[in-house]
Amino acid sequence: MRYAAPRGTMDILPHQTPRWQYLEQIFRETCRLYNYNELRTPTFEETELFARSIGEHTDIVGKEMYTFLDRGRRSMTLRPEGTAPVVRAYIQHKLFGESPISKFYYIASIFRYERPQAGRYREHHQVGVEALGSEDPALDAEVISLAMQYLTALGITGLELRVNSIGCPGCRPEYREALRQAVQPYLVELCETCQVRYNANPLRMLDCKVPRCRELTVSVPNIVNHLCQECADHLESVLGYLEDLNIEYTLDHRLVRGFDYYTRTAFEIVSTDLGAQNAVAGGGRYDGLVAQLGGPPTPAVGFGAGIERTLALMDAQGIEIPSDTHPVVYIATLGDKPRRTGIRLLTELRRAHVPAETDYTGKSLKGQMKSADREQVKFVAIIGEEELDKQQVKVRNMETKEEIDIPLTDAVDRIRDITGMI
C-alpha cells in the first residue's frame, strides 16, 4: 500500500521551506518593531472553548471542526482559529496582571474540515497578532498598520484595505432587526445558507458569495447608520488614524466577520490577484471575548493572515524569495588521510558559522566538483595527498575559477575571510 498526505493537507518539501522561512522571518521582524511577543498554544483545546467563542451557529463550529474524544472521554478539537487559544492562555496564566496592555503574535497550524481548493486547505497555516487591554482606536490602527507593513515588506503590491464597524451588543440588535425586515420579502429566494443565517446570524447574509443573494441584498440598510454614538465615534477615530498614517482604505458596509465574538472594527486586506478567494488578512475588535471566557472585562483587537494564501499571492506577483540556503564552502578530498583532515575542517567551519558540505558517497574529485557546482557553492576547499604533505588547502572560486593555497593551520580564519563570513 502506498500512503499519501491526507486530502486537504500537503507536505512542505525542502525546496519550498525557504519561502516559508522567509515569510515567517519578515513577520517576526515586523512584530518586533511593534513590540509584539510570540505566544505558542497547544494544537488542540477543549471543544467548549471554540463553541463558546466562535459561536455555535457559525459554519466552523457546525460543520468544519476536527473534534474527537480523548481517552478520558473529553471532547477535544484541533485549533480551527488562533484567537480563542490566545485568550484562553491570557486568562489561565493571568497575563492581564503583568501589564496593562498585552501584545502577542503567533504562527500556527489551523484545522478546518472544508472542501479543499486553491489557497484553502484542511490544515493550513496562519500568522496573527492579538492586542489586549485597550479600547483606544489608535490600537486598531496599529494592528492594521502592522498587517499592511508585514505584507508590504514581503514585496506585495496592489493591496486594498476594507474597513467597517459591526457595532456592539448595544446597537447591533437594532440593525439585525432592520436587516431581517429588509430581507424578509426576498427570503424564499435566498440560498439555503442565507435562510439559516436569517434567524441565527443575519449579518452573515451580507458575506454570502452567491450572486443572486448579493443582488437581492444590494439595497439593505447600512450598518453605519445604525451604530450607537460610542461605536460611531470609535469608527470615526479609527478612520482618522488610518488617514494620519497614510493608509488608504475603503469603507465597506457589507464587510462582516465569520465569528460571533467580533465587535466594532472589522477589516480585511484583499488582492485582486487571488481570484474569488481574495482576502489575504482579516481581523477586528473582540471587546467581550475575554470576559465571555471567564476573564476580566478586557477590550482587544487582532488579525490573522493565511500563509498559503500569502505565498500564492507572492507567486502571482512574481516575487522572488532571497535564498541563502546553499552551502558557502564544499570540502573536496582525495585519499584516506586527506579525507580525515577534510572532515575535521568541515566541522571546524560549521562551528565557526560557515555553511559547509562534503561528499559522503565516495565520488572522485571530478564528481565532487560536479556536486559542488550542483549545490551552487561559491568556494571549494580541496585537500589531496599533495596539499596534506604541504599542510595546505587549495581554495577555488567557483565563479572565477581562480585558486589560491592557504595554510591548513589557518584555514578556518582564511576561508571565513575569503568567503566574507566574518
Protein backbone atom coordinates (compact mmCIF):
# COMPACT_ATOMS: atom_id res chain seq x y z
CA MET A 1 0.00 0.00 0.00
CA ARG A 2 1.22 3.48 -0.85
CA TYR A 3 0.40 6.21 1.62
CA ALA A 4 -0.22 9.86 0.79
CA ALA A 5 -0.81 13.03 2.77
CA PRO A 6 -4.49 13.27 3.84
CA ARG A 7 -6.79 15.16 1.48
CA GLY A 8 -6.65 18.87 2.12
CA THR A 9 -3.13 18.75 3.57
CA MET A 10 0.28 18.96 1.98
CA ASP A 11 3.95 18.29 2.60
CA ILE A 12 6.20 21.33 2.57
CA LEU A 13 9.28 19.99 0.80
CA PRO A 14 12.88 21.14 1.34
CA HIS A 15 12.97 23.25 -1.82
CA GLN A 16 9.80 25.04 -0.63
CA THR A 17 10.70 25.70 3.00
CA PRO A 18 12.95 28.72 2.30
CA ARG A 19 9.84 30.61 1.13
CA TRP A 20 8.06 29.77 4.38
CA GLN A 21 11.08 30.66 6.49
CA TYR A 22 11.45 33.99 4.71
CA LEU A 23 7.78 34.87 5.26
CA GLU A 24 7.97 33.89 8.94
CA GLN A 25 11.18 35.90 9.33
CA ILE A 26 9.56 39.03 7.88
CA PHE A 27 6.51 38.55 10.11
CA ARG A 28 8.64 38.10 13.25
CA GLU A 29 10.73 41.17 12.40
CA THR A 30 7.62 43.26 11.83
CA CYS A 31 6.11 42.12 15.14
CA ARG A 32 9.34 43.01 16.92
CA LEU A 33 9.13 46.54 15.51
CA TYR A 34 5.65 46.87 17.04
CA ASN A 35 6.65 45.22 20.37
CA TYR A 36 4.56 42.05 19.95
CA ASN A 37 5.87 38.89 21.63
CA GLU A 38 5.35 35.31 20.49
CA LEU A 39 2.81 33.10 22.27
CA ARG A 40 2.59 29.40 21.39
CA THR A 41 -0.55 27.46 22.30
CA PRO A 42 -1.44 23.74 22.01
CA THR A 43 -2.60 22.27 18.72
CA PHE A 44 -5.85 21.12 20.36
CA GLU A 45 -8.10 22.60 23.06
CA GLU A 46 -11.31 21.72 24.82
CA THR A 47 -14.15 21.86 22.29
CA GLU A 48 -16.20 24.13 24.52
CA LEU A 49 -13.60 26.88 24.14
CA PHE A 50 -14.34 27.22 20.43
CA ALA A 51 -18.08 26.61 20.71
CA ARG A 52 -18.40 29.47 23.21
CA SER A 53 -16.06 31.89 21.46
CA ILE A 54 -16.69 31.38 17.74
CA GLY A 55 -20.43 30.76 18.10
CA GLU A 56 -22.50 27.58 17.90
CA HIS A 57 -24.36 28.75 14.78
CA THR A 58 -21.24 29.51 12.74
CA ASP A 59 -20.18 27.25 9.87
CA ILE A 60 -16.91 26.47 11.62
CA VAL A 61 -18.48 25.10 14.80
CA GLY A 62 -21.41 23.49 12.98
CA LYS A 63 -19.58 21.84 10.09
CA GLU A 64 -15.83 22.32 9.98
CA MET A 65 -14.17 21.48 13.29
CA TYR A 66 -11.98 18.41 13.79
CA THR A 67 -13.44 17.19 17.08
CA PHE A 68 -12.65 13.94 18.89
CA LEU A 69 -12.99 12.25 22.28
CA ASP A 70 -9.72 11.60 24.05
CA ARG A 71 -9.11 8.53 26.21
CA GLY A 72 -10.72 10.31 29.14
CA ARG A 73 -13.90 10.80 27.08
CA ARG A 74 -13.29 14.55 26.97
CA SER A 75 -14.24 16.40 23.79
CA MET A 76 -11.20 18.00 22.17
CA THR A 77 -10.86 19.99 18.95
CA LEU A 78 -7.92 20.75 16.71
CA ARG A 79 -7.39 24.51 16.65
CA PRO A 80 -9.75 25.99 13.97
CA GLU A 81 -8.63 29.59 14.57
CA GLY A 82 -5.96 31.44 16.51
CA THR A 83 -7.64 33.99 18.76
CA ALA A 84 -9.53 31.85 21.29
CA PRO A 85 -6.43 29.84 22.35
CA VAL A 86 -4.50 33.09 22.90
CA VAL A 87 -7.32 34.46 25.04
CA ARG A 88 -7.52 31.19 26.97
CA ALA A 89 -3.77 31.38 27.73
CA TYR A 90 -4.10 35.06 28.65
CA ILE A 91 -6.76 34.20 31.23
CA GLN A 92 -5.24 30.95 32.51
CA HIS A 93 -1.80 32.46 33.19
CA LYS A 94 -3.21 35.80 34.44
CA LEU A 95 -1.18 37.69 31.87
CA PHE A 96 -3.50 40.64 32.38
CA GLY A 97 -1.75 41.17 35.73
CA GLU A 98 1.68 41.59 34.14
CA SER A 99 0.97 44.67 32.04
CA PRO A 100 -2.00 46.93 31.27
CA ILE A 101 -1.66 46.03 27.59
CA SER A 102 -0.53 42.61 26.32
CA LYS A 103 0.61 42.24 22.72
CA PHE A 104 1.14 38.78 21.25
CA TYR A 105 1.82 37.18 17.91
CA TYR A 106 1.55 33.57 16.79
CA ILE A 107 2.46 31.30 13.87
CA ALA A 108 0.26 28.22 13.92
CA SER A 109 -1.45 25.40 12.05
CA ILE A 110 -5.21 25.82 11.66
CA PHE A 111 -7.57 22.89 11.02
CA ARG A 112 -10.94 23.10 9.28
CA TYR A 113 -12.86 20.35 7.53
CA GLU A 114 -13.89 22.15 4.35
CA ARG A 115 -13.74 21.49 0.64
CA PRO A 116 -10.10 21.84 -0.43
CA GLN A 117 -9.50 24.44 -3.13
CA ALA A 118 -6.80 26.85 -4.25
CA GLY A 119 -5.41 28.61 -1.19
CA ARG A 120 -7.69 26.72 1.22
CA TYR A 121 -6.60 23.54 2.97
CA ARG A 122 -7.94 21.39 5.78
CA GLU A 123 -4.68 22.05 7.54
CA HIS A 124 -3.42 25.47 6.70
CA HIS A 125 -1.07 27.85 8.45
CA GLN A 126 -1.62 31.30 9.79
CA VAL A 127 0.22 34.22 11.31
CA GLY A 128 -1.64 36.58 13.58
CA VAL A 129 -1.44 39.18 16.33
CA GLU A 130 -3.63 39.95 19.34
CA ALA A 131 -3.50 43.17 21.41
CA LEU A 132 -5.43 43.02 24.68
CA GLY A 133 -6.12 45.69 27.29
CA SER A 134 -7.15 48.86 25.49
CA GLU A 135 -10.17 50.16 23.58
CA ASP A 136 -8.15 53.03 22.11
CA PRO A 137 -8.96 53.34 18.37
CA ALA A 138 -5.25 54.01 17.84
CA LEU A 139 -4.61 50.38 18.76
CA ASP A 140 -6.99 49.27 15.98
CA ALA A 141 -4.97 51.41 13.59
CA GLU A 142 -1.72 49.93 14.92
CA VAL A 143 -2.90 46.37 14.26
CA ILE A 144 -3.98 47.31 10.73
CA SER A 145 -0.70 49.14 10.17
CA LEU A 146 1.26 46.09 11.32
CA ALA A 147 -0.65 43.85 8.91
CA MET A 148 -0.07 46.21 6.00
CA GLN A 149 3.62 46.69 6.82
CA TYR A 150 4.18 42.93 7.05
CA LEU A 151 2.57 42.26 3.67
CA THR A 152 4.32 45.21 2.05
CA ALA A 153 7.68 44.08 3.45
CA LEU A 154 7.18 40.81 1.55
CA GLY A 155 7.08 42.87 -1.64
CA ILE A 156 3.32 42.51 -2.19
CA THR A 157 1.65 45.37 -4.06
CA GLY A 158 -1.89 46.31 -5.04
CA LEU A 159 -3.43 45.59 -1.63
CA GLU A 160 -6.81 47.05 -0.71
CA LEU A 161 -7.87 47.64 2.88
CA ARG A 162 -11.59 47.37 3.59
CA VAL A 163 -12.96 48.60 6.90
CA ASN A 164 -16.35 48.52 8.61
CA SER A 165 -17.91 48.58 12.06
CA ILE A 166 -20.28 45.83 13.14
CA GLY A 167 -21.35 47.69 16.25
CA CYS A 168 -21.60 46.39 19.78
CA PRO A 169 -24.10 44.29 21.77
CA GLY A 170 -25.98 47.53 22.48
CA CYS A 171 -26.64 48.71 18.92
CA ARG A 172 -26.25 45.56 16.84
CA PRO A 173 -29.66 44.02 17.74
CA GLU A 174 -31.43 47.01 16.22
CA TYR A 175 -29.51 46.60 12.98
CA ARG A 176 -30.16 42.86 12.91
CA GLU A 177 -33.86 43.51 13.07
CA ALA A 178 -33.66 46.18 10.35
CA LEU A 179 -31.72 43.72 8.19
CA ARG A 180 -34.28 40.96 8.72
CA GLN A 181 -37.14 43.29 7.78
CA ALA A 182 -35.33 44.39 4.62
CA VAL A 183 -34.60 40.82 3.54
CA GLN A 184 -37.89 39.21 4.59
CA PRO A 185 -39.76 39.85 1.29
CA TYR A 186 -36.99 38.01 -0.60
CA LEU A 187 -36.23 35.34 1.98
CA VAL A 188 -37.52 32.39 -0.07
CA GLU A 189 -35.27 33.43 -2.98
CA LEU A 190 -32.10 33.39 -0.90
CA CYS A 191 -29.81 30.38 -0.78
CA GLU A 192 -30.32 27.75 1.90
CA THR A 193 -27.36 29.00 3.92
CA CYS A 194 -28.69 32.55 3.98
CA GLN A 195 -32.11 31.31 5.06
CA VAL A 196 -30.47 29.64 8.06
CA ARG A 197 -28.44 32.76 8.80
CA TYR A 198 -31.59 34.90 8.63
CA ASN A 199 -32.52 33.68 12.11
CA ALA A 200 -29.21 32.56 13.57
CA ASN A 201 -26.81 35.32 12.44
CA PRO A 202 -28.36 37.71 9.90
CA LEU A 203 -25.20 39.80 9.47
CA ARG A 204 -23.55 36.81 7.79
CA MET A 205 -26.05 37.11 4.93
CA LEU A 206 -24.03 40.15 3.83
CA ASP A 207 -21.00 37.89 3.41
CA CYS A 208 -22.70 35.43 1.05
CA LYS A 209 -20.83 34.95 -2.24
CA VAL A 210 -23.85 33.62 -4.19
CA PRO A 211 -24.52 36.21 -6.94
CA ARG A 212 -28.33 36.05 -6.56
CA CYS A 213 -28.11 36.61 -2.82
CA ARG A 214 -25.81 39.60 -3.28
CA GLU A 215 -28.19 41.00 -5.86
CA LEU A 216 -31.21 40.67 -3.56
CA THR A 217 -29.39 42.28 -0.61
CA VAL A 218 -27.74 45.12 -2.50
CA SER A 219 -30.06 47.75 -1.01
CA VAL A 220 -30.18 46.55 2.60
CA PRO A 221 -29.65 49.18 5.32
CA ASN A 222 -26.10 50.33 6.02
CA ILE A 223 -24.95 49.28 9.49
CA VAL A 224 -23.01 52.53 9.92
CA ASN A 225 -26.35 54.35 10.06
CA HIS A 226 -27.45 52.15 12.98
CA LEU A 227 -24.39 52.48 15.20
CA CYS A 228 -24.70 53.88 18.71
CA GLN A 229 -22.79 57.09 19.37
CA GLU A 230 -19.86 55.31 21.03
CA CYS A 231 -19.42 52.89 18.11
CA ALA A 232 -19.79 55.69 15.57
CA ASP A 233 -17.16 57.77 17.37
CA HIS A 234 -14.84 54.76 17.56
CA LEU A 235 -15.13 54.12 13.82
CA GLU A 236 -14.54 57.77 13.03
CA SER A 237 -11.41 57.77 15.18
CA VAL A 238 -10.05 54.58 13.59
CA LEU A 239 -10.52 56.03 10.12
CA GLY A 240 -8.89 59.27 11.25
CA TYR A 241 -5.82 57.42 12.50
CA LEU A 242 -5.57 55.47 9.23
CA GLU A 243 -5.60 58.76 7.35
CA ASP A 244 -2.89 60.11 9.67
CA LEU A 245 -0.79 57.03 8.88
CA ASN A 246 -1.36 57.44 5.12
CA ILE A 247 -3.07 54.06 4.94
CA GLU A 248 -5.69 54.10 2.21
CA TYR A 249 -8.96 52.30 2.92
CA THR A 250 -12.43 51.64 1.58
CA LEU A 251 -15.43 51.79 3.90
CA ASP A 252 -17.33 48.59 3.10
CA HIS A 253 -20.73 48.34 4.82
CA ARG A 254 -21.09 44.68 3.71
CA LEU A 255 -17.92 43.61 5.49
CA VAL A 256 -18.61 41.32 8.45
CA ARG A 257 -16.58 38.68 10.25
CA GLY A 258 -17.32 34.96 10.49
CA PHE A 259 -17.05 34.69 14.27
CA ASP A 260 -19.60 35.83 16.83
CA TYR A 261 -17.05 37.42 19.15
CA TYR A 262 -16.26 40.42 16.94
CA THR A 263 -17.38 43.93 17.92
CA ARG A 264 -16.92 47.36 16.36
CA THR A 265 -13.95 47.43 13.97
CA ALA A 266 -13.83 44.78 11.27
CA PHE A 267 -11.30 44.81 8.43
CA GLU A 268 -9.94 42.79 5.56
CA ILE A 269 -6.93 43.20 3.31
CA VAL A 270 -7.67 41.88 -0.18
CA SER A 271 -5.94 41.49 -3.53
CA THR A 272 -7.45 41.10 -7.00
CA ASP A 273 -4.54 38.78 -7.86
CA LEU A 274 -6.07 35.98 -5.77
CA GLY A 275 -9.28 35.47 -7.72
CA ALA A 276 -12.55 34.77 -5.89
CA GLN A 277 -10.87 33.97 -2.56
CA ASN A 278 -9.26 37.40 -2.45
CA ALA A 279 -8.73 38.01 1.29
CA VAL A 280 -5.12 37.92 2.44
CA ALA A 281 -5.69 39.02 6.04
CA GLY A 282 -8.62 39.90 8.25
CA GLY A 283 -9.43 40.85 11.80
CA GLY A 284 -11.07 43.31 14.10
CA ARG A 285 -12.13 44.02 17.68
CA TYR A 286 -13.47 41.49 20.14
CA ASP A 287 -14.04 43.52 23.30
CA GLY A 288 -16.28 40.97 25.03
CA LEU A 289 -14.41 37.71 24.43
CA VAL A 290 -12.08 37.74 27.44
CA ALA A 291 -14.96 38.23 29.86
CA GLN A 292 -17.06 35.68 27.95
CA LEU A 293 -14.36 33.07 28.54
CA GLY A 294 -14.08 33.81 32.25
CA GLY A 295 -11.51 36.59 32.42
CA PRO A 296 -11.83 40.21 33.49
CA PRO A 297 -13.54 42.65 31.09
CA THR A 298 -10.79 43.34 28.57
CA PRO A 299 -11.06 45.08 25.20
CA ALA A 300 -8.95 43.51 22.43
CA VAL A 301 -8.16 43.66 18.72
CA GLY A 302 -6.20 41.44 16.32
CA PHE A 303 -5.85 39.91 12.88
CA GLY A 304 -4.91 36.67 11.14
CA ALA A 305 -3.32 36.08 7.73
CA GLY A 306 -3.06 32.75 5.92
CA ILE A 307 0.47 31.75 4.97
CA GLU A 308 -0.50 29.60 1.97
CA ARG A 309 -2.66 32.38 0.55
CA THR A 310 0.07 34.96 1.08
CA LEU A 311 2.62 32.77 -0.69
CA ALA A 312 0.15 32.22 -3.54
CA LEU A 313 -0.20 35.98 -3.88
CA MET A 314 3.58 36.39 -3.94
CA ASP A 315 3.75 33.77 -6.70
CA ALA A 316 1.03 35.56 -8.66
CA GLN A 317 3.02 38.79 -8.45
CA GLY A 318 6.30 37.11 -9.36
CA ILE A 319 8.01 37.96 -6.07
CA GLU A 320 11.26 36.05 -5.65
CA ILE A 321 12.43 34.95 -2.22
CA PRO A 322 16.03 35.79 -1.24
CA SER A 323 17.75 32.45 -0.70
CA ASP A 324 20.88 31.76 1.34
CA THR A 325 20.24 28.08 1.95
CA HIS A 326 23.14 26.78 -0.17
CA PRO A 327 26.46 25.90 1.46
CA VAL A 328 29.16 28.51 1.05
CA VAL A 329 32.06 26.04 1.02
CA TYR A 330 32.36 22.49 -0.27
CA ILE A 331 35.17 20.31 1.08
CA ALA A 332 36.58 18.06 -1.66
CA THR A 333 39.12 15.41 -0.67
CA LEU A 334 41.19 12.78 -2.44
CA GLY A 335 42.59 9.89 -0.38
CA ASP A 336 42.01 8.44 3.08
CA LYS A 337 44.24 10.75 5.14
CA PRO A 338 43.07 13.90 3.33
CA ARG A 339 39.52 12.68 3.97
CA ARG A 340 40.10 12.64 7.74
CA THR A 341 41.57 16.13 7.57
CA GLY A 342 38.71 17.32 5.37
CA ILE A 343 36.06 16.09 7.78
CA ARG A 344 37.82 17.90 10.62
CA LEU A 345 37.99 21.12 8.59
CA LEU A 346 34.31 20.70 7.63
CA THR A 347 33.29 20.54 11.29
CA GLU A 348 35.52 23.45 12.31
CA LEU A 349 33.99 25.63 9.57
CA ARG A 350 30.47 24.78 10.70
CA ARG A 351 31.38 25.57 14.30
CA ALA A 352 32.66 28.91 13.02
CA HIS A 353 29.21 29.50 11.42
CA VAL A 354 30.35 28.92 7.84
CA PRO A 355 27.76 26.75 5.97
CA ALA A 356 29.74 23.84 4.54
CA GLU A 357 29.19 20.45 2.88
CA THR A 358 31.18 17.46 1.62
CA ASP A 359 30.69 14.17 -0.23
CA TYR A 360 29.57 11.02 1.59
CA THR A 361 29.24 8.68 -1.42
CA GLY A 362 32.88 8.11 -2.42
CA LYS A 363 32.86 10.28 -5.57
CA SER A 364 36.02 11.05 -7.50
CA LEU A 365 37.43 14.56 -7.30
CA LYS A 366 35.71 15.34 -10.61
CA GLY A 367 32.43 14.01 -9.22
CA GLN A 368 32.86 16.08 -6.07
CA MET A 369 33.38 19.22 -8.14
CA LYS A 370 30.18 18.47 -10.03
CA SER A 371 28.35 18.05 -6.71
CA ALA A 372 29.73 21.37 -5.53
CA ASP A 373 28.51 23.03 -8.69
CA ARG A 374 25.08 21.45 -8.27
CA GLU A 375 24.94 22.70 -4.66
CA GLN A 376 25.70 26.19 -6.02
CA VAL A 377 28.53 26.72 -3.55
CA LYS A 378 30.79 29.71 -4.03
CA PHE A 379 34.06 28.10 -2.97
CA VAL A 380 35.58 24.61 -2.90
CA ALA A 381 38.33 23.71 -0.46
CA ILE A 382 40.42 20.89 -1.97
CA ILE A 383 42.63 18.59 0.10
CA GLY A 384 44.62 15.82 -1.58
CA GLU A 385 47.84 13.99 -0.68
CA GLU A 386 49.92 16.83 -2.14
CA GLU A 387 48.07 19.50 -0.16
CA LEU A 388 48.31 17.41 3.01
CA ASP A 389 52.07 16.96 2.60
CA LYS A 390 52.43 20.73 2.32
CA GLN A 391 49.90 21.31 5.15
CA GLN A 392 47.87 23.44 2.75
CA VAL A 393 44.34 23.74 1.43
CA LYS A 394 43.59 24.75 -2.16
CA VAL A 395 40.59 27.10 -2.33
CA ARG A 396 38.86 27.51 -5.69
CA ASN A 397 36.45 30.34 -6.50
CA MET A 398 33.72 28.53 -8.43
CA GLU A 399 32.71 31.66 -10.33
CA THR A 400 36.13 32.97 -11.43
CA LYS A 401 37.93 29.55 -11.30
CA GLU A 402 40.83 31.26 -9.51
CA GLU A 403 42.71 29.12 -6.99
CA ILE A 404 44.87 30.02 -4.01
CA ASP A 405 46.76 27.90 -1.46
CA ILE A 406 46.29 28.69 2.21
CA PRO A 407 47.94 27.17 5.32
CA LEU A 408 45.96 24.31 6.84
CA THR A 409 46.63 25.61 10.35
CA ASP A 410 44.98 28.93 9.45
CA ALA A 411 42.33 27.51 7.11
CA VAL A 412 39.19 28.39 9.07
CA ASP A 413 40.07 32.07 9.54
CA ARG A 414 41.35 32.43 5.97
CA ILE A 415 38.25 30.76 4.50
CA ARG A 416 36.00 32.97 6.62
CA ASP A 417 37.85 35.97 5.26
CA ILE A 418 37.74 34.77 1.65
CA THR A 419 34.04 33.93 1.79
CA GLY A 420 33.08 37.11 3.64
CA MET A 421 31.60 35.13 6.54
CA ILE A 422 33.45 37.13 9.21
